[in-house]
Amino acid sequence: MPQGLLLIVSAPSGAGKTSLVAALLDRDPRLMVAVSHTTRTRRPQEQNGVNYHFVDAARFSEMVEGGEFLEHAEVFGNQYGTSAAAVDRTRSAGRDVVLEIDFQGADQIRQRYPEAISIFILPPSQTALATRLEARGQDDQSVIRERLAKARWEMSHYAEYDYLVVNDAFETALEDMCCIVRAERLRRQPQQARLQALLRDLL
């Protein structure tokens, strides 16, 4: 069985990454998102084991020391990490895995898995990004200003990614992401592994 793809998706806060990835997963049953571990407080609408694995700081530190994470990083004072065992198990079963991580985590993943495919989602403008952050109603103005400043820093790393998707019209951005996944699946190496019987018959 061919190993599944490893897709990295990054974006500044408010660019629509979570919504796009959720819609992508709804469209494509072969995709599976890697559920990260985090030390941040669970929001009312979130479910443990679905949105994140919520753990305390002590447990997170134990996992770091035990080498259980593919990558881990601190974001706005909270720790986030991706389980190595869960990702490897899913890919070995032939499923394609999506990692929603920031550029720091993406760099760690590339070092371990140079075959990873990376997508960076951009907002259509700074004004649109600020409007989206304010519309969420989750943060006060000081936090929003901090997120906007961090967004500029994050977006400066766009050149480290294979693909850039601008989330202006949601459906267009979603279609762009679907096209990326489809094109990557059609590359010779994964196709050669999937089509062994056909190739033997043809040749």
Protein backbone atom coordinates (compact mmCIF):
# COMPACT_ATOMS: atom_id res chain seq x y z
CA MET A 1 0.00 0.00 0.00
CA PRO A 2 1.44 3.42 -0.95
CA GLN A 3 2.15 5.77 1.92
CA GLY A 4 -0.28 8.66 2.29
CA LEU A 5 0.61 12.26 1.50
CA LEU A 6 1.65 14.66 4.23
CA LEU A 7 0.10 18.11 3.73
CA ILE A 8 1.14 21.13 5.77
CA VAL A 9 -1.34 24.02 5.91
CA SER A 10 -0.29 27.29 7.55
CA ALA A 11 -1.82 30.75 7.77
CA PRO A 12 -1.90 33.79 10.02
CA SER A 13 -4.70 33.91 12.58
CA GLY A 14 -7.91 35.04 10.89
CA ALA A 15 -7.00 33.98 7.35
CA GLY A 16 -9.55 31.15 7.37
CA LYS A 17 -7.28 28.12 7.64
CA THR A 18 -9.50 26.14 9.99
CA SER A 19 -12.64 26.69 7.91
CA LEU A 20 -10.87 25.81 4.66
CA VAL A 21 -9.34 22.63 6.07
CA ALA A 22 -12.72 21.57 7.51
CA ALA A 23 -14.39 22.09 4.12
CA LEU A 24 -11.55 20.24 2.37
CA LEU A 25 -12.01 17.25 4.68
CA ASP A 26 -15.78 17.25 4.00
CA ARG A 27 -15.10 17.08 0.27
CA ASP A 28 -12.38 14.45 0.38
CA PRO A 29 -12.83 11.33 2.53
CA ARG A 30 -9.23 10.24 1.83
CA LEU A 31 -7.95 13.16 3.89
CA MET A 32 -7.56 13.10 7.65
CA VAL A 33 -6.47 15.95 9.90
CA ALA A 34 -3.86 15.34 12.59
CA VAL A 35 -5.38 16.44 15.90
CA SER A 36 -2.76 18.46 17.78
CA HIS A 37 -2.07 18.47 21.50
CA THR A 38 -2.29 21.85 23.23
CA THR A 39 -2.03 23.38 26.67
CA ARG A 40 -4.48 26.18 25.93
CA THR A 41 -7.92 26.32 27.53
CA ARG A 42 -10.71 24.55 25.67
CA ARG A 43 -13.27 26.92 24.14
CA PRO A 44 -16.98 26.19 24.74
CA GLN A 45 -17.64 24.81 21.24
CA GLU A 46 -14.53 22.62 21.14
CA GLN A 47 -14.36 18.89 21.86
CA ASN A 48 -11.39 17.09 23.36
CA GLY A 49 -9.93 14.66 20.83
CA VAL A 50 -11.78 16.31 17.95
CA ASN A 51 -10.50 19.89 17.79
CA TYR A 52 -7.44 19.29 19.98
CA HIS A 53 -6.12 16.93 22.62
CA PHE A 54 -6.19 19.26 25.63
CA VAL A 55 -3.42 18.51 28.14
CA ASP A 56 -1.82 20.38 31.01
CA ALA A 57 1.68 21.87 30.85
CA ALA A 58 3.22 19.01 32.86
CA ARG A 59 1.87 16.33 30.53
CA PHE A 60 2.95 18.33 27.47
CA SER A 61 6.48 18.59 28.85
CA GLU A 62 6.56 14.83 29.43
CA MET A 63 5.58 14.26 25.80
CA VAL A 64 8.29 16.63 24.57
CA GLU A 65 10.93 14.90 26.70
CA GLY A 66 9.72 11.51 25.47
CA GLY A 67 10.14 12.54 21.83
CA GLU A 68 6.46 11.98 21.12
CA PHE A 69 5.99 15.06 18.91
CA LEU A 70 6.87 15.55 15.26
CA GLU A 71 6.93 19.25 15.99
CA HIS A 72 5.95 21.54 18.81
CA ALA A 73 5.88 25.30 19.29
CA GLU A 74 4.66 28.02 21.60
CA VAL A 75 1.96 30.28 20.12
CA PHE A 76 0.51 33.19 22.13
CA GLY A 77 1.74 31.66 25.37
CA ASN A 78 0.31 28.19 24.73
CA GLN A 79 2.07 25.01 23.62
CA TYR A 80 1.04 23.03 20.54
CA GLY A 81 2.41 19.72 19.26
CA THR A 82 1.73 17.01 16.67
CA SER A 83 1.91 13.33 17.64
CA ALA A 84 4.50 11.45 15.57
CA ALA A 85 2.93 8.03 16.15
CA ALA A 86 -0.54 9.13 15.03
CA VAL A 87 0.75 10.70 11.80
CA ASP A 88 2.98 7.73 10.89
CA ARG A 89 0.20 5.24 11.62
CA THR A 90 -2.31 7.10 9.45
CA ARG A 91 0.09 7.51 6.52
CA SER A 92 1.13 3.85 6.69
CA ALA A 93 -2.54 2.94 6.26
CA GLY A 94 -2.57 4.89 2.98
CA ARG A 95 -4.49 7.89 4.29
CA ASP A 96 -3.39 11.43 3.46
CA VAL A 97 -2.72 13.57 6.55
CA VAL A 98 -3.27 17.31 6.91
CA LEU A 99 -1.25 19.21 9.52
CA GLU A 100 -2.59 22.63 10.57
CA ILE A 101 0.58 24.20 11.96
CA ASP A 102 2.49 27.47 11.93
CA PHE A 103 5.70 28.12 10.00
CA GLN A 104 7.88 27.08 12.95
CA GLY A 105 6.26 23.65 13.07
CA ALA A 106 6.32 23.41 9.28
CA ASP A 107 10.09 23.82 9.29
CA GLN A 108 10.47 21.00 11.83
CA ILE A 109 8.24 18.74 9.72
CA ARG A 110 10.21 19.41 6.52
CA GLN A 111 13.45 18.42 8.22
CA ARG A 112 11.98 15.03 9.14
CA TYR A 113 9.78 14.57 6.05
CA PRO A 114 11.26 16.43 3.05
CA GLU A 115 8.47 15.00 0.87
CA ALA A 116 5.83 17.00 2.77
CA ILE A 117 3.70 19.34 0.64
CA SER A 118 3.15 22.79 2.13
CA ILE A 119 0.37 25.33 1.53
CA PHE A 120 0.30 28.86 2.93
CA ILE A 121 -3.08 30.64 3.07
CA LEU A 122 -3.04 34.42 2.69
CA PRO A 123 -5.81 36.94 3.42
CA PRO A 124 -6.79 39.27 0.54
CA SER A 125 -5.59 42.33 2.49
CA GLN A 126 -4.53 43.57 5.93
CA THR A 127 -7.91 45.30 6.26
CA ALA A 128 -9.79 42.06 5.57
CA LEU A 129 -7.64 40.21 8.10
CA ALA A 130 -8.34 42.82 10.81
CA THR A 131 -12.08 42.71 10.03
CA ARG A 132 -12.17 38.93 10.32
CA LEU A 133 -10.34 38.94 13.65
CA GLU A 134 -12.74 41.54 15.05
CA ALA A 135 -15.80 39.68 13.72
CA ARG A 136 -14.85 36.53 15.64
CA GLY A 137 -15.54 38.38 18.89
CA GLN A 138 -13.05 36.23 20.80
CA ASP A 139 -10.37 38.81 21.61
CA ASP A 140 -10.08 42.36 22.86
CA GLN A 141 -8.37 45.09 20.82
CA SER A 142 -4.97 44.59 22.43
CA VAL A 143 -4.96 40.88 21.50
CA ILE A 144 -6.14 41.70 17.97
CA ARG A 145 -3.28 44.17 17.54
CA GLU A 146 -0.87 41.50 18.76
CA ARG A 147 -2.31 38.97 16.30
CA LEU A 148 -2.03 41.43 13.40
CA ALA A 149 1.60 42.16 14.23
CA LYS A 150 2.35 38.44 14.44
CA ALA A 151 0.48 37.87 11.15
CA ARG A 152 2.89 40.13 9.27
CA TRP A 153 5.81 38.16 10.70
CA GLU A 154 4.19 34.83 9.79
CA MET A 155 3.35 35.98 6.25
CA SER A 156 6.97 37.00 5.68
CA HIS A 157 7.74 33.25 5.61
CA TYR A 158 5.50 32.58 2.59
CA ALA A 159 8.50 31.75 0.35
CA GLU A 160 9.20 28.60 2.40
CA TYR A 161 5.97 27.01 1.09
CA ASP A 162 5.21 25.09 -2.10
CA TYR A 163 1.81 26.70 -2.74
CA LEU A 164 0.12 30.02 -1.94
CA VAL A 165 -3.68 30.26 -1.72
CA VAL A 166 -5.45 33.60 -1.26
CA ASN A 167 -8.64 33.24 0.76
CA ASP A 168 -10.71 36.05 -0.74
CA ALA A 169 -13.68 34.12 -2.15
CA PHE A 170 -13.99 31.05 0.09
CA GLU A 171 -15.21 28.63 -2.59
CA THR A 172 -12.40 29.64 -4.95
CA ALA A 173 -9.78 29.14 -2.23
CA LEU A 174 -11.30 25.75 -1.38
CA GLU A 175 -11.23 24.68 -5.03
CA ASP A 176 -7.59 25.76 -5.25
CA MET A 177 -6.76 23.51 -2.29
CA CYS A 178 -8.66 20.58 -3.82
CA CYS A 179 -6.68 21.04 -7.04
CA ILE A 180 -3.38 20.97 -5.13
CA VAL A 181 -4.28 17.71 -3.40
CA ARG A 182 -5.43 16.11 -6.65
CA ALA A 183 -2.29 17.17 -8.53
CA GLU A 184 -0.01 15.82 -5.79
CA ARG A 185 -1.80 12.47 -5.88
CA LEU A 186 -1.20 12.26 -9.63
CA ARG A 187 2.58 12.55 -9.31
CA ARG A 188 4.41 9.55 -10.73
CA GLN A 189 5.67 7.98 -7.50
CA PRO A 190 2.35 7.71 -5.64
CA GLN A 191 0.54 6.75 -8.84
CA GLN A 192 3.15 4.09 -9.66
CA ALA A 193 2.56 2.49 -6.25
CA ARG A 194 -1.24 2.56 -6.67
CA LEU A 195 -1.26 1.35 -10.28
CA GLN A 196 1.17 -1.57 -10.05
CA ALA A 197 -1.34 -4.10 -11.39
CA LEU A 198 -2.38 -1.88 -14.31
CA LEU A 199 1.23 -1.09 -15.23
CA ARG A 200 2.14 -4.80 -15.21
CA ASP A 201 -0.81 -5.53 -17.48
CA LEU A 202 -0.01 -2.68 -19.86
CA LEU A 203 3.68 -3.46 -20.10
